[in-house]
Structures are given as C-alpha cells and as structure tokens.
Amino acid sequence: MNANPSAQTLQEAALQLQPAARMQLAHTLIKSLSALPEAELSPVWLAEAERRDAEMEDGSVTGIPGEMVFRQLHARHHKP
C-alpha cells in the first residue's frame, strides 16, 4: 500500500488495537465512505479495482473462484 506517512502511522496504530476496536474503526471508516458524493467516490473505487487487477495480473495475489467464496460464506453463516 502506498500510504502517506500520516496514513501509515495511523494504520500501524490501528493494527495495535484489540480486534473489537479494529472492527469498530473499520465499520466507521467504511460508513464514512458511503457518505461521499458519487463523483468523489467513483474515482476511489476505480483506483481500487485497478490496483486489485494489477495484483492479479502480476501474480502477487491469487483469486478465489466465486463458487468457492459463496460456499465458504454459506458455511460460515448457516451453521447447523
């Protein structure tokens, strides 16, 4: 991730939080993105999609077939 120094410092501090606090922080940050106007948010999501595509292309990440993802989600949320 190419974070600026302030963002990098915040990220490092956030990763030191307990899991529940990290989850709350993540929720708050994601919720704040949904409040952005579409014109401001679209370029952010486009940049993220391009970053993820580049990772797939250069082999630094491996994709998971959609069928497997849905099977895992179903298993996680529909326990007997």
PDB file of N, CA and C in Angstrom:
ATOM      1  N   MET A   1       0.852  -1.178   0.000  1.00  0.00           N
ATOM      2  CA  MET A   1       0.000   0.000   0.000  1.00  0.00           C
ATOM      3  C   MET A   1       0.890   1.231   0.000  1.00  0.00           C
ATOM      4  N   ASN A   2       0.559   2.214  -0.827  1.00  0.00           N
ATOM      5  CA  ASN A   2       1.323   3.446  -0.914  1.00  0.00           C
ATOM      6  C   ASN A   2       0.667   4.524  -0.077  1.00  0.00           C
ATOM      7  N   ALA A   3       0.719   4.370   1.222  1.00  0.00           N
ATOM      8  CA  ALA A   3       0.093   5.338   2.117  1.00  0.00           C
ATOM      9  C   ALA A   3       1.065   6.474   2.397  1.00  0.00           C
ATOM     10  N   ASN A   4       0.501   7.669   2.610  1.00  0.00           N
ATOM     11  CA  ASN A   4       1.376   8.760   3.001  1.00  0.00           C
ATOM     12  C   ASN A   4       1.803   8.521   4.449  1.00  0.00           C
ATOM     13  N   PRO A   5       2.827   9.240   4.938  1.00  0.00           N
ATOM     14  CA  PRO A   5       3.328   8.961   6.296  1.00  0.00           C
ATOM     15  C   PRO A   5       2.265   9.037   7.384  1.00  0.00           C
ATOM     16  N   SER A   6       1.356   9.992   7.296  1.00  0.00           N
ATOM     17  CA  SER A   6       0.314  10.100   8.317  1.00  0.00           C
ATOM     18  C   SER A   6      -0.612   8.893   8.280  1.00  0.00           C
ATOM     19  N   ALA A   7      -1.015   8.490   7.078  1.00  0.00           N
ATOM     20  CA  ALA A   7      -1.885   7.328   6.941  1.00  0.00           C
ATOM     21  C   ALA A   7      -1.157   6.077   7.403  1.00  0.00           C
ATOM     22  N   GLN A   8       0.124   5.967   7.084  1.00  0.00           N
ATOM     23  CA  GLN A   8       0.907   4.804   7.503  1.00  0.00           C
ATOM     24  C   GLN A   8       0.978   4.738   9.031  1.00  0.00           C
ATOM     25  N   THR A   9       1.200   5.868   9.674  1.00  0.00           N
ATOM     26  CA  THR A   9       1.261   5.920  11.136  1.00  0.00           C
ATOM     27  C   THR A   9      -0.082   5.522  11.744  1.00  0.00           C
ATOM     28  N   LEU A  10      -1.166   6.037  11.176  1.00  0.00           N
ATOM     29  CA  LEU A  10      -2.497   5.677  11.657  1.00  0.00           C
ATOM     30  C   LEU A  10      -2.765   4.188  11.483  1.00  0.00           C
ATOM     31  N   GLN A  11      -2.372   3.659  10.328  1.00  0.00           N
ATOM     32  CA  GLN A  11      -2.581   2.237  10.067  1.00  0.00           C
ATOM     33  C   GLN A  11      -1.823   1.392  11.076  1.00  0.00           C
ATOM     34  N   GLU A  12      -0.576   1.727  11.339  1.00  0.00           N
ATOM     35  CA  GLU A  12       0.221   0.973  12.299  1.00  0.00           C
ATOM     36  C   GLU A  12      -0.409   1.033  13.685  1.00  0.00           C
ATOM     37  N   ALA A  13      -0.900   2.202  14.075  1.00  0.00           N
ATOM     38  CA  ALA A  13      -1.551   2.337  15.378  1.00  0.00           C
ATOM     39  C   ALA A  13      -2.847   1.533  15.421  1.00  0.00           C
ATOM     40  N   ALA A  14      -3.615   1.582  14.340  1.00  0.00           N
ATOM     41  CA  ALA A  14      -4.885   0.854  14.296  1.00  0.00           C
ATOM     42  C   ALA A  14      -4.664  -0.646  14.417  1.00  0.00           C
ATOM     43  N   LEU A  15      -3.591  -1.140  13.827  1.00  0.00           N
ATOM     44  CA  LEU A  15      -3.319  -2.578  13.890  1.00  0.00           C
ATOM     45  C   LEU A  15      -2.919  -3.039  15.283  1.00  0.00           C
ATOM     46  N   GLN A  16      -2.622  -2.107  16.162  1.00  0.00           N
ATOM     47  CA  GLN A  16      -2.292  -2.452  17.548  1.00  0.00           C
ATOM     48  C   GLN A  16      -3.541  -2.541  18.427  1.00  0.00           C
ATOM     49  N   LEU A  17      -4.682  -2.095  17.908  1.00  0.00           N
ATOM     50  CA  LEU A  17      -5.933  -2.137  18.663  1.00  0.00           C
ATOM     51  C   LEU A  17      -6.414  -3.568  18.833  1.00  0.00           C
ATOM     52  N   GLN A  18      -7.236  -3.777  19.838  1.00  0.00           N
ATOM     53  CA  GLN A  18      -7.880  -5.069  20.029  1.00  0.00           C
ATOM     54  C   GLN A  18      -8.831  -5.318  18.857  1.00  0.00           C
ATOM     55  N   PRO A  19      -9.109  -6.573  18.534  1.00  0.00           N
ATOM     56  CA  PRO A  19      -9.964  -6.876  17.382  1.00  0.00           C
ATOM     57  C   PRO A  19     -11.302  -6.150  17.372  1.00  0.00           C
ATOM     58  N   ALA A  20     -11.974  -6.061  18.497  1.00  0.00           N
ATOM     59  CA  ALA A  20     -13.277  -5.389  18.531  1.00  0.00           C
ATOM     60  C   ALA A  20     -13.136  -3.908  18.181  1.00  0.00           C
ATOM     61  N   ALA A  21     -12.080  -3.277  18.678  1.00  0.00           N
ATOM     62  CA  ALA A  21     -11.858  -1.865  18.376  1.00  0.00           C
ATOM     63  C   ALA A  21     -11.492  -1.685  16.905  1.00  0.00           C
ATOM     64  N   ARG A  22     -10.701  -2.609  16.347  1.00  0.00           N
ATOM     65  CA  ARG A  22     -10.370  -2.536  14.920  1.00  0.00           C
ATOM     66  C   ARG A  22     -11.617  -2.699  14.072  1.00  0.00           C
ATOM     67  N   MET A  23     -12.506  -3.617  14.485  1.00  0.00           N
ATOM     68  CA  MET A  23     -13.735  -3.829  13.736  1.00  0.00           C
ATOM     69  C   MET A  23     -14.593  -2.570  13.759  1.00  0.00           C
ATOM     70  N   GLN A  24     -14.699  -1.941  14.911  1.00  0.00           N
ATOM     71  CA  GLN A  24     -15.492  -0.720  15.020  1.00  0.00           C
ATOM     72  C   GLN A  24     -14.885   0.390  14.166  1.00  0.00           C
ATOM     73  N   LEU A  25     -13.567   0.508  14.184  1.00  0.00           N
ATOM     74  CA  LEU A  25     -12.889   1.514  13.376  1.00  0.00           C
ATOM     75  C   LEU A  25     -13.127   1.251  11.889  1.00  0.00           C
ATOM     76  N   ALA A  26     -12.988   0.006  11.470  1.00  0.00           N
ATOM     77  CA  ALA A  26     -13.217  -0.342  10.063  1.00  0.00           C
ATOM     78  C   ALA A  26     -14.646  -0.009   9.659  1.00  0.00           C
ATOM     79  N   HIS A  27     -15.596  -0.350  10.511  1.00  0.00           N
ATOM     80  CA  HIS A  27     -17.002  -0.059  10.220  1.00  0.00           C
ATOM     81  C   HIS A  27     -17.217   1.447  10.056  1.00  0.00           C
ATOM     82  N   THR A  28     -16.654   2.219  10.961  1.00  0.00           N
ATOM     83  CA  THR A  28     -16.808   3.673  10.912  1.00  0.00           C
ATOM     84  C   THR A  28     -16.178   4.251   9.645  1.00  0.00           C
ATOM     85  N   LEU A  29     -14.993   3.754   9.282  1.00  0.00           N
ATOM     86  CA  LEU A  29     -14.325   4.255   8.080  1.00  0.00           C
ATOM     87  C   LEU A  29     -15.106   3.897   6.818  1.00  0.00           C
ATOM     88  N   ILE A  30     -15.583   2.673   6.734  1.00  0.00           N
ATOM     89  CA  ILE A  30     -16.358   2.257   5.560  1.00  0.00           C
ATOM     90  C   ILE A  30     -17.653   3.047   5.479  1.00  0.00           C
ATOM     91  N   LYS A  31     -18.298   3.236   6.609  1.00  0.00           N
ATOM     92  CA  LYS A  31     -19.545   4.019   6.641  1.00  0.00           C
ATOM     93  C   LYS A  31     -19.284   5.450   6.167  1.00  0.00           C
ATOM     94  N   SER A  32     -18.133   6.003   6.524  1.00  0.00           N
ATOM     95  CA  SER A  32     -17.823   7.370   6.109  1.00  0.00           C
ATOM     96  C   SER A  32     -17.652   7.462   4.595  1.00  0.00           C
ATOM     97  N   LEU A  33     -17.188   6.383   3.963  1.00  0.00           N
ATOM     98  CA  LEU A  33     -17.055   6.385   2.509  1.00  0.00           C
ATOM     99  C   LEU A  33     -18.411   6.430   1.828  1.00  0.00           C
ATOM    100  N   SER A  34     -19.385   5.751   2.406  1.00  0.00           N
ATOM    101  CA  SER A  34     -20.709   5.728   1.784  1.00  0.00           C
ATOM    102  C   SER A  34     -21.374   7.099   1.806  1.00  0.00           C
ATOM    103  N   ALA A  35     -20.888   7.998   2.652  1.00  0.00           N
ATOM    104  CA  ALA A  35     -21.453   9.346   2.729  1.00  0.00           C
ATOM    105  C   ALA A  35     -20.853  10.291   1.679  1.00  0.00           C
ATOM    106  N   LEU A  36     -19.800   9.842   0.997  1.00  0.00           N
ATOM    107  CA  LEU A  36     -19.181  10.691  -0.015  1.00  0.00           C
ATOM    108  C   LEU A  36     -20.079  10.809  -1.241  1.00  0.00           C
ATOM    109  N   PRO A  37     -20.052  11.948  -1.910  1.00  0.00           N
ATOM    110  CA  PRO A  37     -20.807  12.078  -3.152  1.00  0.00           C
ATOM    111  C   PRO A  37     -20.255  11.109  -4.203  1.00  0.00           C
ATOM    112  N   GLU A  38     -21.127  10.625  -5.073  1.00  0.00           N
ATOM    113  CA  GLU A  38     -20.736   9.658  -6.104  1.00  0.00           C
ATOM    114  C   GLU A  38     -19.553  10.161  -6.930  1.00  0.00           C
ATOM    115  N   ALA A  39     -19.544  11.441  -7.264  1.00  0.00           N
ATOM    116  CA  ALA A  39     -18.466  11.999  -8.084  1.00  0.00           C
ATOM    117  C   ALA A  39     -17.109  11.892  -7.387  1.00  0.00           C
ATOM    118  N   GLU A  40     -17.113  11.921  -6.060  1.00  0.00           N
ATOM    119  CA  GLU A  40     -15.868  11.816  -5.300  1.00  0.00           C
ATOM    120  C   GLU A  40     -15.499  10.355  -5.045  1.00  0.00           C
ATOM    121  N   LEU A  41     -16.496   9.499  -4.920  1.00  0.00           N
ATOM    122  CA  LEU A  41     -16.264   8.102  -4.573  1.00  0.00           C
ATOM    123  C   LEU A  41     -15.890   7.245  -5.778  1.00  0.00           C
ATOM    124  N   SER A  42     -16.459   7.515  -6.937  1.00  0.00           N
ATOM    125  CA  SER A  42     -16.199   6.696  -8.124  1.00  0.00           C
ATOM    126  C   SER A  42     -14.715   6.566  -8.449  1.00  0.00           C
ATOM    127  N   PRO A  43     -13.940   7.655  -8.451  1.00  0.00           N
ATOM    128  CA  PRO A  43     -12.515   7.501  -8.745  1.00  0.00           C
ATOM    129  C   PRO A  43     -11.779   6.653  -7.703  1.00  0.00           C
ATOM    130  N   VAL A  44     -12.227   6.706  -6.464  1.00  0.00           N
ATOM    131  CA  VAL A  44     -11.605   5.908  -5.405  1.00  0.00           C
ATOM    132  C   VAL A  44     -11.817   4.424  -5.679  1.00  0.00           C
ATOM    133  N   TRP A  45     -13.054   4.038  -6.008  1.00  0.00           N
ATOM    134  CA  TRP A  45     -13.340   2.626  -6.290  1.00  0.00           C
ATOM    135  C   TRP A  45     -12.674   2.180  -7.577  1.00  0.00           C
ATOM    136  N   LEU A  46     -12.595   3.060  -8.570  1.00  0.00           N
ATOM    137  CA  LEU A  46     -11.911   2.720  -9.814  1.00  0.00           C
ATOM    138  C   LEU A  46     -10.430   2.445  -9.544  1.00  0.00           C
ATOM    139  N   ALA A  47      -9.791   3.292  -8.748  1.00  0.00           N
ATOM    140  CA  ALA A  47      -8.381   3.096  -8.409  1.00  0.00           C
ATOM    141  C   ALA A  47      -8.186   1.780  -7.656  1.00  0.00           C
ATOM    142  N   GLU A  48      -9.108   1.453  -6.764  1.00  0.00           N
ATOM    143  CA  GLU A  48      -9.023   0.192  -6.017  1.00  0.00           C
ATOM    144  C   GLU A  48      -9.179  -0.994  -6.961  1.00  0.00           C
ATOM    145  N   ALA A  49     -10.119  -0.926  -7.874  1.00  0.00           N
ATOM    146  CA  ALA A  49     -10.321  -2.014  -8.838  1.00  0.00           C
ATOM    147  C   ALA A  49      -9.083  -2.185  -9.709  1.00  0.00           C
ATOM    148  N   GLU A  50      -8.495  -1.084 -10.137  1.00  0.00           N
ATOM    149  CA  GLU A  50      -7.287  -1.162 -10.960  1.00  0.00           C
ATOM    150  C   GLU A  50      -6.117  -1.745 -10.176  1.00  0.00           C
ATOM    151  N   ARG A  51      -6.003  -1.377  -8.899  1.00  0.00           N
ATOM    152  CA  ARG A  51      -4.939  -1.920  -8.046  1.00  0.00           C
ATOM    153  C   ARG A  51      -5.103  -3.425  -7.896  1.00  0.00           C
ATOM    154  N   ARG A  52      -6.338  -3.865  -7.628  1.00  0.00           N
ATOM    155  CA  ARG A  52      -6.588  -5.296  -7.470  1.00  0.00           C
ATOM    156  C   ARG A  52      -6.350  -6.050  -8.771  1.00  0.00           C
ATOM    157  N   ASP A  53      -6.737  -5.464  -9.888  1.00  0.00           N
ATOM    158  CA  ASP A  53      -6.499  -6.097 -11.183  1.00  0.00           C
ATOM    159  C   ASP A  53      -5.003  -6.253 -11.432  1.00  0.00           C
ATOM    160  N   ALA A  54      -4.230  -5.228 -11.120  1.00  0.00           N
ATOM    161  CA  ALA A  54      -2.782  -5.281 -11.305  1.00  0.00           C
ATOM    162  C   ALA A  54      -2.167  -6.378 -10.441  1.00  0.00           C
ATOM    163  N   GLU A  55      -2.672  -6.530  -9.210  1.00  0.00           N
ATOM    164  CA  GLU A  55      -2.172  -7.596  -8.331  1.00  0.00           C
ATOM    165  C   GLU A  55      -2.460  -8.975  -8.914  1.00  0.00           C
ATOM    166  N   MET A  56      -3.641  -9.132  -9.496  1.00  0.00           N
ATOM    167  CA  MET A  56      -3.973 -10.410 -10.125  1.00  0.00           C
ATOM    168  C   MET A  56      -3.065 -10.643 -11.337  1.00  0.00           C
ATOM    169  N   GLU A  57      -2.848  -9.608 -12.123  1.00  0.00           N
ATOM    170  CA  GLU A  57      -2.025  -9.725 -13.327  1.00  0.00           C
ATOM    171  C   GLU A  57      -0.571 -10.050 -13.004  1.00  0.00           C
ATOM    172  N   ASP A  58      -0.024  -9.414 -11.954  1.00  0.00           N
ATOM    173  CA  ASP A  58       1.394  -9.649 -11.656  1.00  0.00           C
ATOM    174  C   ASP A  58       1.611 -10.872 -10.767  1.00  0.00           C
ATOM    175  N   GLY A  59       0.514 -11.517 -10.359  1.00  0.00           N
ATOM    176  CA  GLY A  59       0.624 -12.752  -9.587  1.00  0.00           C
ATOM    177  C   GLY A  59       0.892 -12.555  -8.107  1.00  0.00           C
ATOM    178  N   SER A  60       0.827 -11.316  -7.615  1.00  0.00           N
ATOM    179  CA  SER A  60       1.089 -11.097  -6.187  1.00  0.00           C
ATOM    180  C   SER A  60      -0.077 -11.548  -5.316  1.00  0.00           C
ATOM    181  N   VAL A  61      -1.250 -11.739  -5.916  1.00  0.00           N
ATOM    182  CA  VAL A  61      -2.386 -12.335  -5.207  1.00  0.00           C
ATOM    183  C   VAL A  61      -3.006 -13.393  -6.118  1.00  0.00           C
ATOM    184  N   THR A  62      -3.664 -14.336  -5.490  1.00  0.00           N
ATOM    185  CA  THR A  62      -4.343 -15.395  -6.230  1.00  0.00           C
ATOM    186  C   THR A  62      -5.827 -15.250  -6.006  1.00  0.00           C
ATOM    187  N   GLY A  63      -6.570 -15.289  -7.066  1.00  0.00           N
ATOM    188  CA  GLY A  63      -8.015 -15.171  -6.961  1.00  0.00           C
ATOM    189  C   GLY A  63      -8.651 -16.437  -6.387  1.00  0.00           C
ATOM    190  N   ILE A  64      -9.847 -16.283  -5.898  1.00  0.00           N
ATOM    191  CA  ILE A  64     -10.633 -17.408  -5.393  1.00  0.00           C
ATOM    192  C   ILE A  64     -11.887 -17.474  -6.256  1.00  0.00           C
ATOM    193  N   PRO A  65     -12.180 -18.642  -6.817  1.00  0.00           N
ATOM    194  CA  PRO A  65     -13.394 -18.754  -7.636  1.00  0.00           C
ATOM    195  C   PRO A  65     -14.630 -18.339  -6.845  1.00  0.00           C
ATOM    196  N   GLY A  66     -15.530 -17.618  -7.513  1.00  0.00           N
ATOM    197  CA  GLY A  66     -16.742 -17.131  -6.860  1.00  0.00           C
ATOM    198  C   GLY A  66     -17.534 -18.233  -6.186  1.00  0.00           C
ATOM    199  N   GLU A  67     -17.623 -19.390  -6.842  1.00  0.00           N
ATOM    200  CA  GLU A  67     -18.370 -20.506  -6.263  1.00  0.00           C
ATOM    201  C   GLU A  67     -17.796 -20.897  -4.905  1.00  0.00           C
ATOM    202  N   MET A  68     -16.464 -20.887  -4.779  1.00  0.00           N
ATOM    203  CA  MET A  68     -15.827 -21.231  -3.513  1.00  0.00           C
ATOM    204  C   MET A  68     -16.112 -20.161  -2.460  1.00  0.00           C
ATOM    205  N   VAL A  69     -16.075 -18.907  -2.870  1.00  0.00           N
ATOM    206  CA  VAL A  69     -16.350 -17.810  -1.940  1.00  0.00           C
ATOM    207  C   VAL A  69     -17.754 -17.957  -1.364  1.00  0.00           C
ATOM    208  N   PHE A  70     -18.742 -18.180  -2.242  1.00  0.00           N
ATOM    209  CA  PHE A  70     -20.116 -18.309  -1.771  1.00  0.00           C
ATOM    210  C   PHE A  70     -20.297 -19.546  -0.900  1.00  0.00           C
ATOM    211  N   ARG A  71     -19.612 -20.632  -1.229  1.00  0.00           N
ATOM    212  CA  ARG A  71     -19.690 -21.845  -0.415  1.00  0.00           C
ATOM    213  C   ARG A  71     -19.136 -21.575   0.986  1.00  0.00           C
ATOM    214  N   GLN A  72     -18.003 -20.863   1.060  1.00  0.00           N
ATOM    215  CA  GLN A  72     -17.406 -20.528   2.354  1.00  0.00           C
ATOM    216  C   GLN A  72     -18.314 -19.594   3.154  1.00  0.00           C
ATOM    217  N   LEU A  73     -18.889 -18.602   2.483  1.00  0.00           N
ATOM    218  CA  LEU A  73     -19.814 -17.697   3.169  1.00  0.00           C
ATOM    219  C   LEU A  73     -21.023 -18.437   3.699  1.00  0.00           C
ATOM    220  N   HIS A  74     -21.568 -19.312   2.890  1.00  0.00           N
ATOM    221  CA  HIS A  74     -22.728 -20.085   3.313  1.00  0.00           C
ATOM    222  C   HIS A  74     -22.376 -20.948   4.522  1.00  0.00           C
ATOM    223  N   ALA A  75     -21.220 -21.611   4.472  1.00  0.00           N
ATOM    224  CA  ALA A  75     -20.799 -22.460   5.596  1.00  0.00           C
ATOM    225  C   ALA A  75     -20.601 -21.639   6.856  1.00  0.00           C
ATOM    226  N   ARG A  76     -20.070 -20.447   6.716  1.00  0.00           N
ATOM    227  CA  ARG A  76     -19.798 -19.596   7.879  1.00  0.00           C
ATOM    228  C   ARG A  76     -21.081 -19.084   8.515  1.00  0.00           C
ATOM    229  N   HIS A  77     -22.069 -18.769   7.704  1.00  0.00           N
ATOM    230  CA  HIS A  77     -23.279 -18.115   8.217  1.00  0.00           C
ATOM    231  C   HIS A  77     -24.491 -19.016   8.356  1.00  0.00           C
ATOM    232  N   HIS A  78     -24.384 -20.248   7.931  1.00  0.00           N
ATOM    233  CA  HIS A  78     -25.505 -21.182   8.044  1.00  0.00           C
ATOM    234  C   HIS A  78     -25.052 -22.450   8.746  1.00  0.00           C
ATOM    235  N   LYS A  79     -24.519 -22.281   9.927  1.00  0.00           N
ATOM    236  CA  LYS A  79     -24.032 -23.440  10.684  1.00  0.00           C
ATOM    237  C   LYS A  79     -25.218 -24.218  11.226  1.00  0.00           C
ATOM    238  N   PRO A  80     -25.079 -25.556  11.264  1.00  0.00           N
ATOM    239  CA  PRO A  80     -26.189 -26.389  11.767  1.00  0.00           C
ATOM    240  C   PRO A  80     -26.493 -26.174  13.232  1.00  0.00           C
TER     241      PRO A  80
END
